[in-house]
Amino acid sequence: MARCADEGLPSCIAPLGPELISFTLEVMPDDDRAQASKLTVFHYPGCSTCRNARAWLRDHGIEAEWIHIVEASPSVELLAQAVRDSGEEISKFFNTSGRSYREGNFRERRATMDDQACLEALAADGKLVRRPLAVWAGGALVGFRAERWREALVVDGE
């Protein structure tokens, strides 16, 4: 205990059944804490998959900033980072069941589009982006699969 106090770290003693445990609290700098906890989810309110993702996050006590994907489409830069961070191919970022995809003839057009053209098309039309799109510092998830979200977002023991 004296060592922790000497280093200026707060220490605590708490009961654990008949035993006492000792632990030290380490405070993250404000900017690191904000970055580590900031989850942004691009969604469409009418999308049942997005509603399922919102309920899943709520059930797991995970807070997020929710952005309407049609009103504020993700930028080319954000999408490029999300593709890198997710480990997914850019084709997974297209909402292939949406009207924009069908009417834009993207099934055929994708074959001749490079990644930059894909990113620009996705950024230009939020309806073209598969949702939900969850992003945070160093990570991204596209679409909602509970198992995948659990692996990426839930700390062991929660």
N, C-alpha and C. Protein backbone atom coordinates (compact mmCIF):
# COMPACT_ATOMS: atom_id res chain seq x y z
N MET A 1 0.82 -1.20 0.00
CA MET A 1 0.00 0.00 0.00
C MET A 1 0.87 1.26 0.00
N ALA A 2 1.94 1.28 0.76
CA ALA A 2 2.77 2.47 0.83
C ALA A 2 3.38 2.78 -0.53
N ARG A 3 3.76 1.73 -1.26
CA ARG A 3 4.36 1.94 -2.57
C ARG A 3 3.40 2.69 -3.50
N CYS A 4 2.13 2.30 -3.52
CA CYS A 4 1.14 2.98 -4.36
C CYS A 4 0.97 4.43 -3.95
N ALA A 5 0.88 4.65 -2.67
CA ALA A 5 0.72 6.02 -2.18
C ALA A 5 1.95 6.85 -2.52
N ASP A 6 3.13 6.23 -2.44
CA ASP A 6 4.36 6.94 -2.77
C ASP A 6 4.39 7.38 -4.23
N GLU A 7 3.75 6.60 -5.10
CA GLU A 7 3.72 6.93 -6.52
C GLU A 7 2.57 7.87 -6.86
N GLY A 8 1.77 8.22 -5.86
CA GLY A 8 0.67 9.14 -6.09
C GLY A 8 -0.56 8.49 -6.69
N LEU A 9 -0.65 7.16 -6.65
CA LEU A 9 -1.81 6.47 -7.18
C LEU A 9 -2.78 6.15 -6.06
N PRO A 10 -4.06 6.37 -6.25
CA PRO A 10 -5.01 6.02 -5.20
C PRO A 10 -5.09 4.50 -5.06
N SER A 11 -5.15 4.02 -3.82
CA SER A 11 -5.28 2.59 -3.59
C SER A 11 -6.49 2.35 -2.72
N CYS A 12 -7.01 1.16 -2.81
CA CYS A 12 -8.24 0.83 -2.11
C CYS A 12 -8.13 -0.54 -1.48
N ILE A 13 -8.91 -0.75 -0.44
CA ILE A 13 -9.09 -2.06 0.15
C ILE A 13 -10.58 -2.32 0.15
N ALA A 14 -10.99 -3.47 -0.33
CA ALA A 14 -12.42 -3.78 -0.40
C ALA A 14 -12.65 -5.20 0.08
N PRO A 15 -13.78 -5.44 0.73
CA PRO A 15 -14.07 -6.81 1.18
C PRO A 15 -14.44 -7.69 0.01
N LEU A 16 -13.98 -8.93 0.06
CA LEU A 16 -14.34 -9.94 -0.92
C LEU A 16 -14.66 -11.19 -0.11
N GLY A 17 -15.90 -11.30 0.30
CA GLY A 17 -16.28 -12.38 1.21
C GLY A 17 -15.55 -12.16 2.52
N PRO A 18 -14.97 -13.22 3.08
CA PRO A 18 -14.27 -13.07 4.36
C PRO A 18 -12.88 -12.45 4.19
N GLU A 19 -12.42 -12.26 2.95
CA GLU A 19 -11.07 -11.75 2.70
C GLU A 19 -11.14 -10.29 2.28
N LEU A 20 -10.01 -9.62 2.36
CA LEU A 20 -9.88 -8.26 1.85
C LEU A 20 -8.98 -8.31 0.62
N ILE A 21 -9.32 -7.52 -0.38
CA ILE A 21 -8.45 -7.42 -1.54
C ILE A 21 -7.96 -5.98 -1.64
N SER A 22 -6.80 -5.82 -2.19
CA SER A 22 -6.22 -4.50 -2.38
C SER A 22 -6.02 -4.28 -3.87
N PHE A 23 -6.34 -3.09 -4.32
CA PHE A 23 -6.13 -2.79 -5.73
C PHE A 23 -5.82 -1.32 -5.89
N THR A 24 -5.21 -1.00 -7.02
CA THR A 24 -4.83 0.37 -7.32
C THR A 24 -5.63 0.86 -8.51
N LEU A 25 -6.11 2.07 -8.42
CA LEU A 25 -6.85 2.69 -9.52
C LEU A 25 -5.89 3.52 -10.34
N GLU A 26 -5.89 3.30 -11.63
CA GLU A 26 -5.09 4.12 -12.52
C GLU A 26 -6.02 4.90 -13.42
N VAL A 27 -5.87 6.19 -13.41
CA VAL A 27 -6.74 7.06 -14.18
C VAL A 27 -6.15 7.30 -15.56
N MET A 28 -6.97 7.06 -16.60
CA MET A 28 -6.54 7.33 -17.96
C MET A 28 -6.62 8.83 -18.20
N PRO A 29 -5.70 9.38 -18.98
CA PRO A 29 -5.85 10.79 -19.36
C PRO A 29 -7.19 10.98 -20.08
N ASP A 30 -7.79 12.15 -19.92
CA ASP A 30 -9.12 12.41 -20.48
C ASP A 30 -9.20 12.11 -21.97
N ASP A 31 -8.18 12.50 -22.73
CA ASP A 31 -8.26 12.29 -24.18
C ASP A 31 -8.21 10.80 -24.51
N ASP A 32 -7.43 9.99 -23.78
CA ASP A 32 -7.38 8.55 -24.03
C ASP A 32 -8.70 7.89 -23.67
N ARG A 33 -9.30 8.30 -22.55
CA ARG A 33 -10.57 7.72 -22.12
C ARG A 33 -11.65 8.03 -23.14
N ALA A 34 -11.70 9.25 -23.62
CA ALA A 34 -12.72 9.63 -24.60
C ALA A 34 -12.53 8.86 -25.89
N GLN A 35 -11.28 8.69 -26.30
CA GLN A 35 -11.03 7.98 -27.54
C GLN A 35 -11.38 6.50 -27.40
N ALA A 36 -11.04 5.92 -26.25
CA ALA A 36 -11.28 4.49 -26.05
C ALA A 36 -12.77 4.19 -25.98
N SER A 37 -13.56 5.13 -25.48
CA SER A 37 -14.97 4.84 -25.26
C SER A 37 -15.86 5.34 -26.39
N LYS A 38 -15.33 6.08 -27.35
CA LYS A 38 -16.17 6.68 -28.38
C LYS A 38 -16.49 5.67 -29.48
N LEU A 39 -17.74 5.28 -29.52
CA LEU A 39 -18.24 4.39 -30.56
C LEU A 39 -19.27 5.21 -31.34
N THR A 40 -19.10 5.25 -32.64
CA THR A 40 -20.05 5.96 -33.49
C THR A 40 -20.71 4.94 -34.39
N VAL A 41 -22.04 5.01 -34.47
CA VAL A 41 -22.79 4.07 -35.30
C VAL A 41 -23.60 4.85 -36.32
N PHE A 42 -23.31 4.61 -37.58
CA PHE A 42 -24.11 5.17 -38.67
C PHE A 42 -25.27 4.21 -38.89
N HIS A 43 -26.48 4.75 -38.89
CA HIS A 43 -27.67 3.90 -38.96
C HIS A 43 -28.77 4.58 -39.77
N TYR A 44 -29.78 3.81 -40.07
CA TYR A 44 -30.99 4.32 -40.70
C TYR A 44 -32.14 3.92 -39.76
N PRO A 45 -32.90 4.89 -39.25
CA PRO A 45 -33.92 4.59 -38.25
C PRO A 45 -34.95 3.54 -38.68
N GLY A 46 -35.25 3.44 -39.95
CA GLY A 46 -36.24 2.48 -40.43
C GLY A 46 -35.69 1.08 -40.63
N CYS A 47 -34.41 0.89 -40.37
CA CYS A 47 -33.75 -0.39 -40.62
C CYS A 47 -33.85 -1.28 -39.37
N SER A 48 -34.47 -2.46 -39.54
CA SER A 48 -34.64 -3.36 -38.40
C SER A 48 -33.29 -3.89 -37.90
N THR A 49 -32.32 -4.07 -38.78
CA THR A 49 -31.00 -4.52 -38.36
C THR A 49 -30.34 -3.47 -37.48
N CYS A 50 -30.52 -2.20 -37.83
CA CYS A 50 -29.98 -1.12 -37.00
C CYS A 50 -30.66 -1.08 -35.64
N ARG A 51 -31.96 -1.30 -35.62
CA ARG A 51 -32.67 -1.33 -34.34
C ARG A 51 -32.19 -2.50 -33.49
N ASN A 52 -31.92 -3.63 -34.12
CA ASN A 52 -31.38 -4.78 -33.38
C ASN A 52 -30.01 -4.47 -32.80
N ALA A 53 -29.17 -3.79 -33.58
CA ALA A 53 -27.84 -3.41 -33.10
C ALA A 53 -27.95 -2.44 -31.92
N ARG A 54 -28.88 -1.49 -32.01
CA ARG A 54 -29.07 -0.52 -30.92
C ARG A 54 -29.50 -1.25 -29.64
N ALA A 55 -30.43 -2.18 -29.77
CA ALA A 55 -30.90 -2.95 -28.62
C ALA A 55 -29.76 -3.79 -28.04
N TRP A 56 -28.96 -4.39 -28.91
CA TRP A 56 -27.84 -5.21 -28.45
C TRP A 56 -26.84 -4.36 -27.67
N LEU A 57 -26.50 -3.18 -28.20
CA LEU A 57 -25.58 -2.29 -27.49
C LEU A 57 -26.15 -1.87 -26.14
N ARG A 58 -27.42 -1.52 -26.13
CA ARG A 58 -28.07 -1.13 -24.87
C ARG A 58 -28.01 -2.28 -23.87
N ASP A 59 -28.32 -3.50 -24.31
CA ASP A 59 -28.31 -4.67 -23.43
C ASP A 59 -26.91 -4.96 -22.87
N HIS A 60 -25.89 -4.55 -23.59
CA HIS A 60 -24.51 -4.77 -23.15
C HIS A 60 -23.90 -3.54 -22.48
N GLY A 61 -24.72 -2.53 -22.26
CA GLY A 61 -24.25 -1.34 -21.57
C GLY A 61 -23.23 -0.53 -22.34
N ILE A 62 -23.30 -0.60 -23.66
CA ILE A 62 -22.33 0.12 -24.51
C ILE A 62 -23.01 1.35 -25.08
N GLU A 63 -22.44 2.50 -24.80
CA GLU A 63 -22.99 3.76 -25.31
C GLU A 63 -22.37 4.07 -26.67
N ALA A 64 -23.15 4.73 -27.49
CA ALA A 64 -22.68 5.09 -28.83
C ALA A 64 -23.31 6.40 -29.25
N GLU A 65 -22.62 7.07 -30.14
CA GLU A 65 -23.19 8.23 -30.82
C GLU A 65 -23.85 7.68 -32.08
N TRP A 66 -25.13 8.01 -32.29
CA TRP A 66 -25.89 7.50 -33.43
C TRP A 66 -26.03 8.59 -34.47
N ILE A 67 -25.65 8.29 -35.70
CA ILE A 67 -25.70 9.25 -36.79
C ILE A 67 -26.57 8.68 -37.90
N HIS A 68 -27.56 9.46 -38.31
CA HIS A 68 -28.46 9.08 -39.41
C HIS A 68 -27.64 9.04 -40.69
N ILE A 69 -27.48 7.88 -41.27
CA ILE A 69 -26.56 7.68 -42.39
C ILE A 69 -26.98 8.39 -43.67
N VAL A 70 -28.27 8.67 -43.82
CA VAL A 70 -28.73 9.38 -45.02
C VAL A 70 -28.52 10.88 -44.84
N GLU A 71 -28.76 11.38 -43.64
CA GLU A 71 -28.59 12.82 -43.38
C GLU A 71 -27.13 13.23 -43.27
N ALA A 72 -26.27 12.32 -42.83
CA ALA A 72 -24.84 12.62 -42.67
C ALA A 72 -24.04 11.37 -43.06
N SER A 73 -23.85 11.21 -44.35
CA SER A 73 -23.09 10.06 -44.86
C SER A 73 -21.66 10.10 -44.36
N PRO A 74 -21.07 8.95 -44.10
CA PRO A 74 -19.65 8.94 -43.72
C PRO A 74 -18.78 9.46 -44.87
N SER A 75 -17.70 10.13 -44.52
CA SER A 75 -16.79 10.69 -45.52
C SER A 75 -15.97 9.60 -46.20
N VAL A 76 -15.36 9.96 -47.30
CA VAL A 76 -14.45 9.04 -47.99
C VAL A 76 -13.34 8.60 -47.04
N GLU A 77 -12.79 9.55 -46.29
CA GLU A 77 -11.70 9.24 -45.37
C GLU A 77 -12.15 8.29 -44.27
N LEU A 78 -13.31 8.54 -43.69
CA LEU A 78 -13.82 7.67 -42.64
C LEU A 78 -14.09 6.27 -43.19
N LEU A 79 -14.68 6.19 -44.36
CA LEU A 79 -14.95 4.89 -44.97
C LEU A 79 -13.67 4.13 -45.29
N ALA A 80 -12.67 4.83 -45.80
CA ALA A 80 -11.39 4.18 -46.10
C ALA A 80 -10.77 3.61 -44.83
N GLN A 81 -10.83 4.38 -43.74
CA GLN A 81 -10.30 3.90 -42.46
C GLN A 81 -11.12 2.72 -41.95
N ALA A 82 -12.44 2.78 -42.11
CA ALA A 82 -13.31 1.69 -41.66
C ALA A 82 -13.01 0.40 -42.43
N VAL A 83 -12.77 0.52 -43.71
CA VAL A 83 -12.42 -0.66 -44.51
C VAL A 83 -11.13 -1.27 -43.97
N ARG A 84 -10.12 -0.42 -43.74
CA ARG A 84 -8.84 -0.92 -43.21
C ARG A 84 -9.03 -1.56 -41.83
N ASP A 85 -9.74 -0.86 -40.94
CA ASP A 85 -9.89 -1.33 -39.56
C ASP A 85 -10.77 -2.57 -39.44
N SER A 86 -11.71 -2.73 -40.34
CA SER A 86 -12.64 -3.87 -40.25
C SER A 86 -12.03 -5.17 -40.75
N GLY A 87 -11.05 -5.05 -41.67
CA GLY A 87 -10.49 -6.24 -42.29
C GLY A 87 -11.39 -6.83 -43.36
N GLU A 88 -12.46 -6.14 -43.68
CA GLU A 88 -13.41 -6.60 -44.71
C GLU A 88 -13.03 -6.03 -46.07
N GLU A 89 -13.46 -6.72 -47.11
CA GLU A 89 -13.32 -6.19 -48.47
C GLU A 89 -14.30 -5.03 -48.64
N ILE A 90 -13.97 -4.10 -49.50
CA ILE A 90 -14.84 -2.94 -49.70
C ILE A 90 -16.22 -3.35 -50.21
N SER A 91 -16.30 -4.47 -50.90
CA SER A 91 -17.60 -4.93 -51.41
C SER A 91 -18.59 -5.18 -50.27
N LYS A 92 -18.09 -5.51 -49.07
CA LYS A 92 -18.96 -5.76 -47.92
C LYS A 92 -19.62 -4.48 -47.41
N PHE A 93 -19.15 -3.32 -47.85
CA PHE A 93 -19.68 -2.05 -47.39
C PHE A 93 -20.88 -1.59 -48.22
N PHE A 94 -21.18 -2.31 -49.29
CA PHE A 94 -22.32 -1.94 -50.13
C PHE A 94 -23.60 -2.60 -49.61
N ASN A 95 -24.65 -1.81 -49.51
CA ASN A 95 -25.98 -2.31 -49.15
C ASN A 95 -26.60 -2.87 -50.43
N THR A 96 -26.33 -4.14 -50.68
CA THR A 96 -26.72 -4.76 -51.95
C THR A 96 -28.23 -4.99 -52.07
N SER A 97 -28.96 -4.85 -50.97
CA SER A 97 -30.41 -5.04 -51.04
C SER A 97 -31.15 -3.71 -51.15
N GLY A 98 -30.43 -2.61 -51.20
CA GLY A 98 -31.06 -1.30 -51.23
C GLY A 98 -31.39 -0.80 -52.62
N ARG A 99 -32.28 0.16 -52.65
CA ARG A 99 -32.72 0.76 -53.91
C ARG A 99 -31.57 1.47 -54.62
N SER A 100 -30.74 2.19 -53.87
CA SER A 100 -29.62 2.91 -54.49
C SER A 100 -28.69 1.96 -55.22
N TYR A 101 -28.46 0.80 -54.64
CA TYR A 101 -27.59 -0.20 -55.26
C TYR A 101 -28.21 -0.71 -56.56
N ARG A 102 -29.48 -1.04 -56.49
CA ARG A 102 -30.17 -1.57 -57.68
C ARG A 102 -30.30 -0.51 -58.76
N GLU A 103 -30.82 0.66 -58.39
CA GLU A 103 -31.04 1.71 -59.38
C GLU A 103 -29.74 2.27 -59.95
N GLY A 104 -28.68 2.19 -59.17
CA GLY A 104 -27.38 2.67 -59.64
C GLY A 104 -26.62 1.61 -60.43
N ASN A 105 -27.25 0.43 -60.58
CA ASN A 105 -26.66 -0.65 -61.35
C ASN A 105 -25.26 -1.03 -60.82
N PHE A 106 -25.11 -1.01 -59.50
CA PHE A 106 -23.80 -1.27 -58.90
C PHE A 106 -23.36 -2.72 -59.02
N ARG A 107 -24.28 -3.63 -59.18
CA ARG A 107 -23.86 -5.03 -59.36
C ARG A 107 -22.91 -5.13 -60.56
N GLU A 108 -23.26 -4.49 -61.67
CA GLU A 108 -22.42 -4.52 -62.86
C GLU A 108 -21.27 -3.51 -62.76
N ARG A 109 -21.56 -2.32 -62.24
CA ARG A 109 -20.56 -1.25 -62.17
C ARG A 109 -19.39 -1.62 -61.26
N ARG A 110 -19.65 -2.34 -60.18
CA ARG A 110 -18.59 -2.69 -59.21
C ARG A 110 -17.41 -3.39 -59.88
N ALA A 111 -17.67 -4.16 -60.89
CA ALA A 111 -16.61 -4.92 -61.56
C ALA A 111 -15.55 -4.01 -62.17
N THR A 112 -15.92 -2.78 -62.52
CA THR A 112 -14.97 -1.87 -63.16
C THR A 112 -14.55 -0.71 -62.25
N MET A 113 -15.02 -0.70 -61.01
CA MET A 113 -14.71 0.39 -60.09
C MET A 113 -13.49 0.02 -59.23
N ASP A 114 -12.56 0.97 -59.09
CA ASP A 114 -11.46 0.74 -58.16
C ASP A 114 -11.93 1.15 -56.75
N ASP A 115 -11.09 0.92 -55.75
CA ASP A 115 -11.49 1.21 -54.37
C ASP A 115 -11.85 2.67 -54.16
N GLN A 116 -11.09 3.57 -54.77
CA GLN A 116 -11.38 5.00 -54.60
C GLN A 116 -12.76 5.35 -55.17
N ALA A 117 -13.09 4.81 -56.32
CA ALA A 117 -14.41 5.07 -56.91
C ALA A 117 -15.51 4.48 -56.02
N CYS A 118 -15.26 3.34 -55.43
CA CYS A 118 -16.24 2.74 -54.51
C CYS A 118 -16.44 3.64 -53.29
N LEU A 119 -15.34 4.09 -52.71
CA LEU A 119 -15.43 4.97 -51.53
C LEU A 119 -16.18 6.24 -51.85
N GLU A 120 -15.92 6.82 -53.01
CA GLU A 120 -16.61 8.05 -53.40
C GLU A 120 -18.09 7.82 -53.60
N ALA A 121 -18.46 6.69 -54.20
CA ALA A 121 -19.88 6.37 -54.39
C ALA A 121 -20.57 6.16 -53.04
N LEU A 122 -19.92 5.44 -52.14
CA LEU A 122 -20.49 5.18 -50.82
C LEU A 122 -20.67 6.49 -50.03
N ALA A 123 -19.66 7.35 -50.08
CA ALA A 123 -19.73 8.62 -49.36
C ALA A 123 -20.79 9.55 -49.94
N ALA A 124 -21.07 9.43 -51.22
CA ALA A 124 -22.04 10.31 -51.88
C ALA A 124 -23.49 9.93 -51.58
N ASP A 125 -23.73 8.69 -51.16
CA ASP A 125 -25.10 8.23 -50.94
C ASP A 125 -25.13 7.27 -49.75
N GLY A 126 -25.57 7.78 -48.59
CA GLY A 126 -25.63 6.97 -47.38
C GLY A 126 -26.49 5.73 -47.53
N LYS A 127 -27.48 5.77 -48.42
CA LYS A 127 -28.34 4.60 -48.62
C LYS A 127 -27.58 3.45 -49.29
N LEU A 128 -26.46 3.76 -49.88
CA LEU A 128 -25.65 2.76 -50.56
C LEU A 128 -24.78 1.96 -49.56
N VAL A 129 -24.60 2.51 -48.36
CA VAL A 129 -23.73 1.90 -47.36
C VAL A 129 -24.49 0.84 -46.57
N ARG A 130 -23.89 -0.33 -46.44
CA ARG A 130 -24.46 -1.37 -45.59
C ARG A 130 -24.46 -0.87 -44.15
N ARG A 131 -25.53 -1.15 -43.45
CA ARG A 131 -25.65 -0.64 -42.10
C ARG A 131 -26.11 -1.73 -41.15
N PRO A 132 -25.87 -1.47 -39.89
CA PRO A 132 -25.18 -0.32 -39.30
C PRO A 132 -23.68 -0.39 -39.57
N LEU A 133 -23.07 0.77 -39.52
CA LEU A 133 -21.62 0.89 -39.64
C LEU A 133 -21.13 1.47 -38.32
N ALA A 134 -20.43 0.66 -37.56
CA ALA A 134 -19.90 1.08 -36.26
C ALA A 134 -18.41 1.34 -36.41
N VAL A 135 -17.96 2.50 -35.93
CA VAL A 135 -16.55 2.85 -36.01
C VAL A 135 -16.06 3.38 -34.66
N TRP A 136 -14.81 3.10 -34.38
CA TRP A 136 -14.14 3.62 -33.19
C TRP A 136 -12.66 3.64 -33.50
N ALA A 137 -11.87 4.24 -32.63
CA ALA A 137 -10.44 4.34 -32.86
C ALA A 137 -9.85 2.93 -32.98
N GLY A 138 -9.39 2.59 -34.16
CA GLY A 138 -8.74 1.31 -34.39
C GLY A 138 -9.66 0.16 -34.75
N GLY A 139 -10.95 0.43 -34.94
CA GLY A 139 -11.86 -0.67 -35.26
C GLY A 139 -13.08 -0.22 -36.03
N ALA A 140 -13.72 -1.19 -36.67
CA ALA A 140 -14.96 -0.92 -37.42
C ALA A 140 -15.70 -2.23 -37.64
N LEU A 141 -17.01 -2.13 -37.66
CA LEU A 141 -17.88 -3.26 -37.97
C LEU A 141 -18.91 -2.78 -38.98
N VAL A 142 -19.17 -3.59 -39.98
CA VAL A 142 -20.19 -3.24 -40.97
C VAL A 142 -21.24 -4.34 -40.96
N GLY A 143 -22.51 -3.94 -40.90
CA GLY A 143 -23.59 -4.90 -40.73
C GLY A 143 -23.65 -5.31 -39.27
N PHE A 144 -24.68 -6.05 -38.91
CA PHE A 144 -24.81 -6.49 -37.51
C PHE A 144 -24.91 -8.00 -37.42
N ARG A 145 -23.90 -8.57 -36.78
CA ARG A 145 -23.92 -9.98 -36.38
C ARG A 145 -23.50 -9.98 -34.92
N ALA A 146 -24.41 -10.39 -34.03
CA ALA A 146 -24.17 -10.29 -32.60
C ALA A 146 -22.84 -10.92 -32.18
N GLU A 147 -22.52 -12.09 -32.71
CA GLU A 147 -21.28 -12.76 -32.32
C GLU A 147 -20.06 -11.91 -32.66
N ARG A 148 -20.07 -11.35 -33.85
CA ARG A 148 -18.94 -10.51 -34.30
C ARG A 148 -18.83 -9.25 -33.44
N TRP A 149 -19.98 -8.62 -33.13
CA TRP A 149 -19.98 -7.42 -32.31
C TRP A 149 -19.49 -7.76 -30.90
N ARG A 150 -19.90 -8.90 -30.38
CA ARG A 150 -19.45 -9.31 -29.04
C ARG A 150 -17.93 -9.48 -29.03
N GLU A 151 -17.38 -10.13 -30.03
CA GLU A 151 -15.93 -10.32 -30.11
C GLU A 151 -15.18 -9.00 -30.14
N ALA A 152 -15.74 -8.03 -30.84
CA ALA A 152 -15.05 -6.75 -31.04
C ALA A 152 -15.28 -5.76 -29.91
N LEU A 153 -16.46 -5.81 -29.28
CA LEU A 153 -16.84 -4.73 -28.37
C LEU A 153 -16.97 -5.09 -26.90
N VAL A 154 -17.11 -6.36 -26.58
CA VAL A 154 -17.35 -6.73 -25.18
C VAL A 154 -16.07 -7.23 -24.56
N VAL A 155 -15.72 -6.64 -23.42
CA VAL A 155 -14.55 -7.05 -22.67
C VAL A 155 -14.88 -8.35 -21.95
N ASP A 156 -13.94 -9.29 -21.93
CA ASP A 156 -14.17 -10.57 -21.24
C ASP A 156 -14.65 -10.33 -19.83
N GLY A 157 -15.62 -11.11 -19.42
CA GLY A 157 -16.16 -11.00 -18.07
C GLY A 157 -17.39 -10.11 -17.99
N GLU A 158 -17.73 -9.43 -19.06
CA GLU A 158 -18.93 -8.56 -19.03
C GLU A 158 -20.13 -9.32 -19.49
